[in-house]
Amino acid sequence: AKNPVYVGDTINDQLAAQAAGMPFLSVKLGLRSDFY
């Protein structure tokens, strides 16, 4: 994958995406994400 976007709903998803340098699309309100 050249430009992956990670979709998740937990704080661990958020932290993993941020550490991996991937845009994070959250399906749970309250997480820091690029998109919700």
PDB file of all heavy atoms in Angstrom:
ATOM      1  N   ALA A   1       0.840  -1.198   0.000  1.00  0.00           N
ATOM      2  CA  ALA A   1       0.000   0.000   0.000  1.00  0.00           C
ATOM      3  C   ALA A   1       0.872   1.244   0.000  1.00  0.00           C
ATOM      4  O   ALA A   1       1.765   1.367   0.836  1.00  0.00           O
ATOM      5  CB  ALA A   1      -0.915  -0.008   1.221  1.00  0.00           C
ATOM      6  N   LYS A   2       0.609   2.141  -0.928  1.00  0.00           N
ATOM      7  CA  LYS A   2       1.415   3.362  -1.028  1.00  0.00           C
ATOM      8  C   LYS A   2       0.959   4.441  -0.049  1.00  0.00           C
ATOM      9  O   LYS A   2       1.764   5.113   0.565  1.00  0.00           O
ATOM     10  CB  LYS A   2       1.383   3.882  -2.460  1.00  0.00           C
ATOM     11  CG  LYS A   2       2.104   2.972  -3.416  1.00  0.00           C
ATOM     12  CD  LYS A   2       2.124   3.530  -4.813  1.00  0.00           C
ATOM     13  CE  LYS A   2       2.926   2.605  -5.693  1.00  0.00           C
ATOM     14  NZ  LYS A   2       2.344   2.321  -6.962  1.00  0.00           N
ATOM     15  N   ASN A   3      -0.332   4.652   0.063  1.00  0.00           N
ATOM     16  CA  ASN A   3      -0.886   5.710   0.910  1.00  0.00           C
ATOM     17  C   ASN A   3      -2.008   5.160   1.789  1.00  0.00           C
ATOM     18  O   ASN A   3      -3.171   5.522   1.609  1.00  0.00           O
ATOM     19  CB  ASN A   3      -1.422   6.855   0.047  1.00  0.00           C
ATOM     20  CG  ASN A   3      -0.334   7.475  -0.795  1.00  0.00           C
ATOM     21  OD1 ASN A   3       0.667   7.926  -0.265  1.00  0.00           O
ATOM     22  ND2 ASN A   3      -0.528   7.478  -2.101  1.00  0.00           N
ATOM     23  N   PRO A   4      -1.668   4.307   2.739  1.00  0.00           N
ATOM     24  CA  PRO A   4      -2.726   3.697   3.546  1.00  0.00           C
ATOM     25  C   PRO A   4      -3.414   4.694   4.476  1.00  0.00           C
ATOM     26  O   PRO A   4      -2.801   5.665   4.931  1.00  0.00           O
ATOM     27  CB  PRO A   4      -1.993   2.627   4.349  1.00  0.00           C
ATOM     28  CG  PRO A   4      -0.598   3.133   4.441  1.00  0.00           C
ATOM     29  CD  PRO A   4      -0.346   3.876   3.157  1.00  0.00           C
ATOM     30  N   VAL A   5      -4.673   4.438   4.711  1.00  0.00           N
ATOM     31  CA  VAL A   5      -5.466   5.158   5.710  1.00  0.00           C
ATOM     32  C   VAL A   5      -5.940   4.097   6.675  1.00  0.00           C
ATOM     33  O   VAL A   5      -6.475   3.063   6.265  1.00  0.00           O
ATOM     34  CB  VAL A   5      -6.678   5.869   5.066  1.00  0.00           C
ATOM     35  CG1 VAL A   5      -7.564   6.485   6.137  1.00  0.00           C
ATOM     36  CG2 VAL A   5      -6.208   6.915   4.073  1.00  0.00           C
ATOM     37  N   TYR A   6      -5.723   4.327   7.972  1.00  0.00           N
ATOM     38  CA  TYR A   6      -6.133   3.345   8.968  1.00  0.00           C
ATOM     39  C   TYR A   6      -7.451   3.771   9.584  1.00  0.00           C
ATOM     40  O   TYR A   6      -7.595   4.900  10.057  1.00  0.00           O
ATOM     41  CB  TYR A   6      -5.052   3.177  10.044  1.00  0.00           C
ATOM     42  CG  TYR A   6      -5.328   1.988  10.919  1.00  0.00           C
ATOM     43  CD1 TYR A   6      -5.224   0.698  10.413  1.00  0.00           C
ATOM     44  CD2 TYR A   6      -5.741   2.147  12.230  1.00  0.00           C
ATOM     45  CE1 TYR A   6      -5.512  -0.401  11.195  1.00  0.00           C
ATOM     46  CE2 TYR A   6      -6.019   1.061  13.024  1.00  0.00           C
ATOM     47  CZ  TYR A   6      -5.913  -0.219  12.506  1.00  0.00           C
ATOM     48  OH  TYR A   6      -6.208  -1.310  13.288  1.00  0.00           O
ATOM     49  N   VAL A   7      -8.415   2.862   9.585  1.00  0.00           N
ATOM     50  CA  VAL A   7      -9.738   3.108  10.149  1.00  0.00           C
ATOM     51  C   VAL A   7      -9.816   2.348  11.464  1.00  0.00           C
ATOM     52  O   VAL A   7      -9.535   1.145  11.505  1.00  0.00           O
ATOM     53  CB  VAL A   7     -10.856   2.631   9.195  1.00  0.00           C
ATOM     54  CG1 VAL A   7     -12.230   2.876   9.803  1.00  0.00           C
ATOM     55  CG2 VAL A   7     -10.735   3.310   7.834  1.00  0.00           C
ATOM     56  N   GLY A   8     -10.202   3.045  12.536  1.00  0.00           N
ATOM     57  CA  GLY A   8     -10.273   2.373  13.826  1.00  0.00           C
ATOM     58  C   GLY A   8     -11.203   3.052  14.799  1.00  0.00           C
ATOM     59  O   GLY A   8     -11.773   4.107  14.511  1.00  0.00           O
ATOM     60  N   ASP A   9     -11.296   2.430  15.984  1.00  0.00           N
ATOM     61  CA  ASP A   9     -12.232   2.944  16.987  1.00  0.00           C
ATOM     62  C   ASP A   9     -11.698   2.874  18.418  1.00  0.00           C
ATOM     63  O   ASP A   9     -12.465   2.987  19.367  1.00  0.00           O
ATOM     64  CB  ASP A   9     -13.569   2.208  16.892  1.00  0.00           C
ATOM     65  CG  ASP A   9     -13.467   0.722  17.211  1.00  0.00           C
ATOM     66  OD1 ASP A   9     -12.345   0.209  17.404  1.00  0.00           O
ATOM     67  OD2 ASP A   9     -14.527   0.070  17.276  1.00  0.00           O
ATOM     68  N   THR A  10     -10.398   2.683  18.577  1.00  0.00           N
ATOM     69  CA  THR A  10      -9.832   2.626  19.921  1.00  0.00           C
ATOM     70  C   THR A  10      -8.627   3.549  20.036  1.00  0.00           C
ATOM     71  O   THR A  10      -8.035   3.944  19.034  1.00  0.00           O
ATOM     72  CB  THR A  10      -9.367   1.193  20.286  1.00  0.00           C
ATOM     73  OG1 THR A  10      -8.215   0.867  19.511  1.00  0.00           O
ATOM     74  CG2 THR A  10     -10.476   0.160  20.065  1.00  0.00           C
ATOM     75  N   ILE A  11      -8.258   3.826  21.262  1.00  0.00           N
ATOM     76  CA  ILE A  11      -7.075   4.646  21.502  1.00  0.00           C
ATOM     77  C   ILE A  11      -5.833   3.944  20.951  1.00  0.00           C
ATOM     78  O   ILE A  11      -4.925   4.593  20.433  1.00  0.00           O
ATOM     79  CB  ILE A  11      -6.913   5.008  23.006  1.00  0.00           C
ATOM     80  CG1 ILE A  11      -5.772   6.005  23.228  1.00  0.00           C
ATOM     81  CG2 ILE A  11      -6.720   3.775  23.855  1.00  0.00           C
ATOM     82  CD1 ILE A  11      -6.003   7.380  22.689  1.00  0.00           C
ATOM     83  N   ASN A  12      -5.781   2.625  21.030  1.00  0.00           N
ATOM     84  CA  ASN A  12      -4.638   1.900  20.470  1.00  0.00           C
ATOM     85  C   ASN A  12      -4.567   2.048  18.958  1.00  0.00           C
ATOM     86  O   ASN A  12      -3.473   2.133  18.392  1.00  0.00           O
ATOM     87  CB  ASN A  12      -4.680   0.425  20.859  1.00  0.00           C
ATOM     88  CG  ASN A  12      -4.244   0.205  22.291  1.00  0.00           C
ATOM     89  OD1 ASN A  12      -3.749   1.106  22.966  1.00  0.00           O
ATOM     90  ND2 ASN A  12      -4.437  -1.004  22.784  1.00  0.00           N
ATOM     91  N   ASP A  13      -5.716   2.101  18.294  1.00  0.00           N
ATOM     92  CA  ASP A  13      -5.737   2.351  16.855  1.00  0.00           C
ATOM     93  C   ASP A  13      -5.173   3.732  16.549  1.00  0.00           C
ATOM     94  O   ASP A  13      -4.354   3.906  15.646  1.00  0.00           O
ATOM     95  CB  ASP A  13      -7.164   2.245  16.299  1.00  0.00           C
ATOM     96  CG  ASP A  13      -7.726   0.843  16.360  1.00  0.00           C
ATOM     97  OD1 ASP A  13      -6.960  -0.137  16.280  1.00  0.00           O
ATOM     98  OD2 ASP A  13      -8.966   0.715  16.481  1.00  0.00           O
ATOM     99  N   GLN A  14      -5.619   4.708  17.318  1.00  0.00           N
ATOM    100  CA  GLN A  14      -5.156   6.091  17.131  1.00  0.00           C
ATOM    101  C   GLN A  14      -3.644   6.183  17.312  1.00  0.00           C
ATOM    102  O   GLN A  14      -2.942   6.736  16.466  1.00  0.00           O
ATOM    103  CB  GLN A  14      -5.844   7.008  18.138  1.00  0.00           C
ATOM    104  CG  GLN A  14      -5.282   8.423  18.160  1.00  0.00           C
ATOM    105  CD  GLN A  14      -5.663   9.181  19.427  1.00  0.00           C
ATOM    106  OE1 GLN A  14      -6.818   9.185  19.815  1.00  0.00           O
ATOM    107  NE2 GLN A  14      -4.685   9.798  20.058  1.00  0.00           N
ATOM    108  N   LEU A  15      -3.150   5.643  18.402  1.00  0.00           N
ATOM    109  CA  LEU A  15      -1.722   5.733  18.711  1.00  0.00           C
ATOM    110  C   LEU A  15      -0.873   4.989  17.679  1.00  0.00           C
ATOM    111  O   LEU A  15       0.187   5.477  17.262  1.00  0.00           O
ATOM    112  CB  LEU A  15      -1.450   5.200  20.111  1.00  0.00           C
ATOM    113  CG  LEU A  15      -2.072   6.018  21.250  1.00  0.00           C
ATOM    114  CD1 LEU A  15      -1.928   5.283  22.573  1.00  0.00           C
ATOM    115  CD2 LEU A  15      -1.478   7.417  21.317  1.00  0.00           C
ATOM    116  N   ALA A  16      -1.347   3.821  17.238  1.00  0.00           N
ATOM    117  CA  ALA A  16      -0.605   3.044  16.245  1.00  0.00           C
ATOM    118  C   ALA A  16      -0.538   3.790  14.915  1.00  0.00           C
ATOM    119  O   ALA A  16       0.519   3.858  14.282  1.00  0.00           O
ATOM    120  CB  ALA A  16      -1.238   1.668  16.063  1.00  0.00           C
ATOM    121  N   ALA A  17      -1.663   4.349  14.482  1.00  0.00           N
ATOM    122  CA  ALA A  17      -1.692   5.086  13.207  1.00  0.00           C
ATOM    123  C   ALA A  17      -0.778   6.306  13.276  1.00  0.00           C
ATOM    124  O   ALA A  17      -0.017   6.573  12.339  1.00  0.00           O
ATOM    125  CB  ALA A  17      -3.120   5.497  12.868  1.00  0.00           C
ATOM    126  N   GLN A  18      -0.848   7.040  14.375  1.00  0.00           N
ATOM    127  CA  GLN A  18       0.000   8.221  14.520  1.00  0.00           C
ATOM    128  C   GLN A  18       1.475   7.830  14.504  1.00  0.00           C
ATOM    129  O   GLN A  18       2.284   8.469  13.821  1.00  0.00           O
ATOM    130  CB  GLN A  18      -0.350   8.973  15.801  1.00  0.00           C
ATOM    131  CG  GLN A  18      -1.687   9.670  15.707  1.00  0.00           C
ATOM    132  CD  GLN A  18      -2.167  10.231  17.044  1.00  0.00           C
ATOM    133  OE1 GLN A  18      -1.739   9.808  18.112  1.00  0.00           O
ATOM    134  NE2 GLN A  18      -3.079  11.189  16.969  1.00  0.00           N
ATOM    135  N   ALA A  19       1.836   6.771  15.226  1.00  0.00           N
ATOM    136  CA  ALA A  19       3.234   6.335  15.271  1.00  0.00           C
ATOM    137  C   ALA A  19       3.702   5.798  13.921  1.00  0.00           C
ATOM    138  O   ALA A  19       4.880   5.900  13.584  1.00  0.00           O
ATOM    139  CB  ALA A  19       3.418   5.278  16.358  1.00  0.00           C
ATOM    140  N   ALA A  20       2.767   5.240  13.142  1.00  0.00           N
ATOM    141  CA  ALA A  20       3.109   4.715  11.812  1.00  0.00           C
ATOM    142  C   ALA A  20       3.119   5.810  10.750  1.00  0.00           C
ATOM    143  O   ALA A  20       3.499   5.566   9.611  1.00  0.00           O
ATOM    144  CB  ALA A  20       2.122   3.623  11.416  1.00  0.00           C
ATOM    145  N   GLY A  21       2.682   7.014  11.128  1.00  0.00           N
ATOM    146  CA  GLY A  21       2.629   8.115  10.169  1.00  0.00           C
ATOM    147  C   GLY A  21       1.518   7.958   9.148  1.00  0.00           C
ATOM    148  O   GLY A  21       1.614   8.460   8.035  1.00  0.00           O
ATOM    149  N   MET A  22       0.455   7.267   9.537  1.00  0.00           N
ATOM    150  CA  MET A  22      -0.678   7.041   8.639  1.00  0.00           C
ATOM    151  C   MET A  22      -1.839   7.936   9.025  1.00  0.00           C
ATOM    152  O   MET A  22      -2.099   8.132  10.217  1.00  0.00           O
ATOM    153  CB  MET A  22      -1.170   5.595   8.739  1.00  0.00           C
ATOM    154  CG  MET A  22      -0.245   4.581   8.203  1.00  0.00           C
ATOM    155  SD  MET A  22      -0.976   2.933   8.378  1.00  0.00           S
ATOM    156  CE  MET A  22       0.443   1.951   7.910  1.00  0.00           C
ATOM    157  N   PRO A  23      -2.570   8.448   8.050  1.00  0.00           N
ATOM    158  CA  PRO A  23      -3.806   9.155   8.392  1.00  0.00           C
ATOM    159  C   PRO A  23      -4.736   8.203   9.136  1.00  0.00           C
ATOM    160  O   PRO A  23      -4.828   7.021   8.804  1.00  0.00           O
ATOM    161  CB  PRO A  23      -4.398   9.534   7.033  1.00  0.00           C
ATOM    162  CG  PRO A  23      -3.246   9.497   6.083  1.00  0.00           C
ATOM    163  CD  PRO A  23      -2.323   8.442   6.613  1.00  0.00           C
ATOM    164  N   PHE A  24      -5.400   8.736  10.155  1.00  0.00           N
ATOM    165  CA  PHE A  24      -6.300   7.928  10.986  1.00  0.00           C
ATOM    166  C   PHE A  24      -7.714   8.420  10.802  1.00  0.00           C
ATOM    167  O   PHE A  24      -8.008   9.600  10.986  1.00  0.00           O
ATOM    168  CB  PHE A  24      -5.872   8.014  12.452  1.00  0.00           C
ATOM    169  CG  PHE A  24      -6.767   7.273  13.400  1.00  0.00           C
ATOM    170  CD1 PHE A  24      -7.031   5.924  13.228  1.00  0.00           C
ATOM    171  CD2 PHE A  24      -7.341   7.931  14.475  1.00  0.00           C
ATOM    172  CE1 PHE A  24      -7.859   5.236  14.110  1.00  0.00           C
ATOM    173  CE2 PHE A  24      -8.165   7.260  15.367  1.00  0.00           C
ATOM    174  CZ  PHE A  24      -8.422   5.907  15.194  1.00  0.00           C
ATOM    175  N   LEU A  25      -8.596   7.511  10.432  1.00  0.00           N
ATOM    176  CA  LEU A  25     -10.015   7.794  10.294  1.00  0.00           C
ATOM    177  C   LEU A  25     -10.715   7.109  11.460  1.00  0.00           C
ATOM    178  O   LEU A  25     -10.733   5.880  11.538  1.00  0.00           O
ATOM    179  CB  LEU A  25     -10.531   7.258   8.953  1.00  0.00           C
ATOM    180  CG  LEU A  25     -11.900   7.735   8.513  1.00  0.00           C
ATOM    181  CD1 LEU A  25     -12.017   7.647   7.002  1.00  0.00           C
ATOM    182  CD2 LEU A  25     -13.005   6.998   9.189  1.00  0.00           C
ATOM    183  N   SER A  26     -11.248   7.904  12.365  1.00  0.00           N
ATOM    184  CA  SER A  26     -11.894   7.365  13.563  1.00  0.00           C
ATOM    185  C   SER A  26     -13.387   7.196  13.354  1.00  0.00           C
ATOM    186  O   SER A  26     -14.047   8.056  12.784  1.00  0.00           O
ATOM    187  CB  SER A  26     -11.661   8.312  14.748  1.00  0.00           C
ATOM    188  OG  SER A  26     -12.395   7.866  15.873  1.00  0.00           O
ATOM    189  N   VAL A  27     -13.892   6.087  13.849  1.00  0.00           N
ATOM    190  CA  VAL A  27     -15.333   5.864  13.856  1.00  0.00           C
ATOM    191  C   VAL A  27     -15.863   5.950  15.288  1.00  0.00           C
ATOM    192  O   VAL A  27     -16.939   5.476  15.588  1.00  0.00           O
ATOM    193  CB  VAL A  27     -15.728   4.524  13.190  1.00  0.00           C
ATOM    194  CG1 VAL A  27     -15.413   4.558  11.711  1.00  0.00           C
ATOM    195  CG2 VAL A  27     -15.045   3.353  13.854  1.00  0.00           C
ATOM    196  N   LYS A  28     -15.061   6.596  16.143  1.00  0.00           N
ATOM    197  CA  LYS A  28     -15.477   6.816  17.529  1.00  0.00           C
ATOM    198  C   LYS A  28     -15.143   8.252  17.910  1.00  0.00           C
ATOM    199  O   LYS A  28     -13.998   8.695  17.771  1.00  0.00           O
ATOM    200  CB  LYS A  28     -14.773   5.854  18.474  1.00  0.00           C
ATOM    201  CG  LYS A  28     -15.216   6.024  19.906  1.00  0.00           C
ATOM    202  CD  LYS A  28     -14.578   5.023  20.806  1.00  0.00           C
ATOM    203  CE  LYS A  28     -15.099   5.217  22.212  1.00  0.00           C
ATOM    204  NZ  LYS A  28     -14.413   4.348  23.151  1.00  0.00           N
ATOM    205  N   LEU A  29     -16.131   8.945  18.388  1.00  0.00           N
ATOM    206  CA  LEU A  29     -15.959  10.323  18.818  1.00  0.00           C
ATOM    207  C   LEU A  29     -14.991  10.397  19.999  1.00  0.00           C
ATOM    208  O   LEU A  29     -14.989   9.527  20.865  1.00  0.00           O
ATOM    209  CB  LEU A  29     -17.323  10.912  19.219  1.00  0.00           C
ATOM    210  CG  LEU A  29     -17.389  12.412  19.441  1.00  0.00           C
ATOM    211  CD1 LEU A  29     -17.017  13.153  18.163  1.00  0.00           C
ATOM    212  CD2 LEU A  29     -18.794  12.803  19.876  1.00  0.00           C
ATOM    213  N   GLY A  30     -14.154  11.415  19.995  1.00  0.00           N
ATOM    214  CA  GLY A  30     -13.256  11.645  21.117  1.00  0.00           C
ATOM    215  C   GLY A  30     -11.819  11.230  20.869  1.00  0.00           C
ATOM    216  O   GLY A  30     -10.945  11.567  21.660  1.00  0.00           O
ATOM    217  N   LEU A  31     -11.571  10.509  19.799  1.00  0.00           N
ATOM    218  CA  LEU A  31     -10.198  10.150  19.476  1.00  0.00           C
ATOM    219  C   LEU A  31      -9.595  11.235  18.600  1.00  0.00           C
ATOM    220  O   LEU A  31     -10.305  11.874  17.833  1.00  0.00           O
ATOM    221  CB  LEU A  31     -10.154   8.810  18.739  1.00  0.00           C
ATOM    222  CG  LEU A  31     -10.637   7.592  19.527  1.00  0.00           C
ATOM    223  CD1 LEU A  31     -10.658   6.362  18.631  1.00  0.00           C
ATOM    224  CD2 LEU A  31      -9.759   7.352  20.748  1.00  0.00           C
ATOM    225  N   ARG A  32      -8.290  11.450  18.723  1.00  0.00           N
ATOM    226  CA  ARG A  32      -7.617  12.405  17.842  1.00  0.00           C
ATOM    227  C   ARG A  32      -7.409  11.735  16.494  1.00  0.00           C
ATOM    228  O   ARG A  32      -6.753  10.699  16.408  1.00  0.00           O
ATOM    229  CB  ARG A  32      -6.284  12.832  18.441  1.00  0.00           C
ATOM    230  CG  ARG A  32      -6.444  14.046  19.354  1.00  0.00           C
ATOM    231  CD  ARG A  32      -5.112  14.586  19.813  1.00  0.00           C
ATOM    232  NE  ARG A  32      -4.731  13.821  20.995  1.00  0.00           N
ATOM    233  CZ  ARG A  32      -3.531  13.325  21.208  1.00  0.00           C
ATOM    234  NH1 ARG A  32      -2.564  13.510  20.362  1.00  0.00           N
ATOM    235  NH2 ARG A  32      -3.276  12.640  22.283  1.00  0.00           N
ATOM    236  N   SER A  33      -7.989  12.310  15.481  1.00  0.00           N
ATOM    237  CA  SER A  33      -7.929  11.670  14.172  1.00  0.00           C
ATOM    238  C   SER A  33      -7.841  12.722  13.079  1.00  0.00           C
ATOM    239  O   SER A  33      -8.126  13.895  13.296  1.00  0.00           O
ATOM    240  CB  SER A  33      -9.162  10.799  13.963  1.00  0.00           C
ATOM    241  OG  SER A  33     -10.335  11.589  14.006  1.00  0.00           O
ATOM    242  N   ASP A  34      -7.468  12.264  11.914  1.00  0.00           N
ATOM    243  CA  ASP A  34      -7.449  13.138  10.748  1.00  0.00           C
ATOM    244  C   ASP A  34      -8.855  13.319  10.197  1.00  0.00           C
ATOM    245  O   ASP A  34      -9.175  14.351   9.620  1.00  0.00           O
ATOM    246  CB  ASP A  34      -6.528  12.547   9.674  1.00  0.00           C
ATOM    247  CG  ASP A  34      -5.104  12.405  10.191  1.00  0.00           C
ATOM    248  OD1 ASP A  34      -4.437  13.445  10.333  1.00  0.00           O
ATOM    249  OD2 ASP A  34      -4.684  11.269  10.479  1.00  0.00           O
ATOM    250  N   PHE A  35      -9.665  12.287  10.365  1.00  0.00           N
ATOM    251  CA  PHE A  35     -11.055  12.299   9.905  1.00  0.00           C
ATOM    252  C   PHE A  35     -11.902  11.561  10.926  1.00  0.00           C
ATOM    253  O   PHE A  35     -11.432  10.626  11.572  1.00  0.00           O
ATOM    254  CB  PHE A  35     -11.194  11.583   8.546  1.00  0.00           C
ATOM    255  CG  PHE A  35     -10.282  12.104   7.490  1.00  0.00           C
ATOM    256  CD1 PHE A  35      -9.080  11.475   7.214  1.00  0.00           C
ATOM    257  CD2 PHE A  35     -10.614  13.247   6.759  1.00  0.00           C
ATOM    258  CE1 PHE A  35      -8.224  11.955   6.237  1.00  0.00           C
ATOM    259  CE2 PHE A  35      -9.766  13.740   5.791  1.00  0.00           C
ATOM    260  CZ  PHE A  35      -8.566  13.091   5.530  1.00  0.00           C
ATOM    261  N   TYR A  36     -13.135  11.967  11.049  1.00  0.00           N
ATOM    262  CA  TYR A  36     -14.081  11.293  11.943  1.00  0.00           C
ATOM    263  C   TYR A  36     -15.382  11.051  11.191  1.00  0.00           C
ATOM    264  O   TYR A  36     -15.869  11.936  10.483  1.00  0.00           O
ATOM    265  CB  TYR A  36     -14.370  12.140  13.192  1.00  0.00           C
ATOM    266  CG  TYR A  36     -15.604  11.669  13.932  1.00  0.00           C
ATOM    267  CD1 TYR A  36     -15.586  10.479  14.661  1.00  0.00           C
ATOM    268  CD2 TYR A  36     -16.798  12.379  13.857  1.00  0.00           C
ATOM    269  CE1 TYR A  36     -16.721  10.027  15.305  1.00  0.00           C
ATOM    270  CE2 TYR A  36     -17.935  11.938  14.508  1.00  0.00           C
ATOM    271  CZ  TYR A  36     -17.893  10.762  15.227  1.00  0.00           C
ATOM    272  OH  TYR A  36     -19.020  10.308  15.854  1.00  0.00           O
TER     273      TYR A  36
END
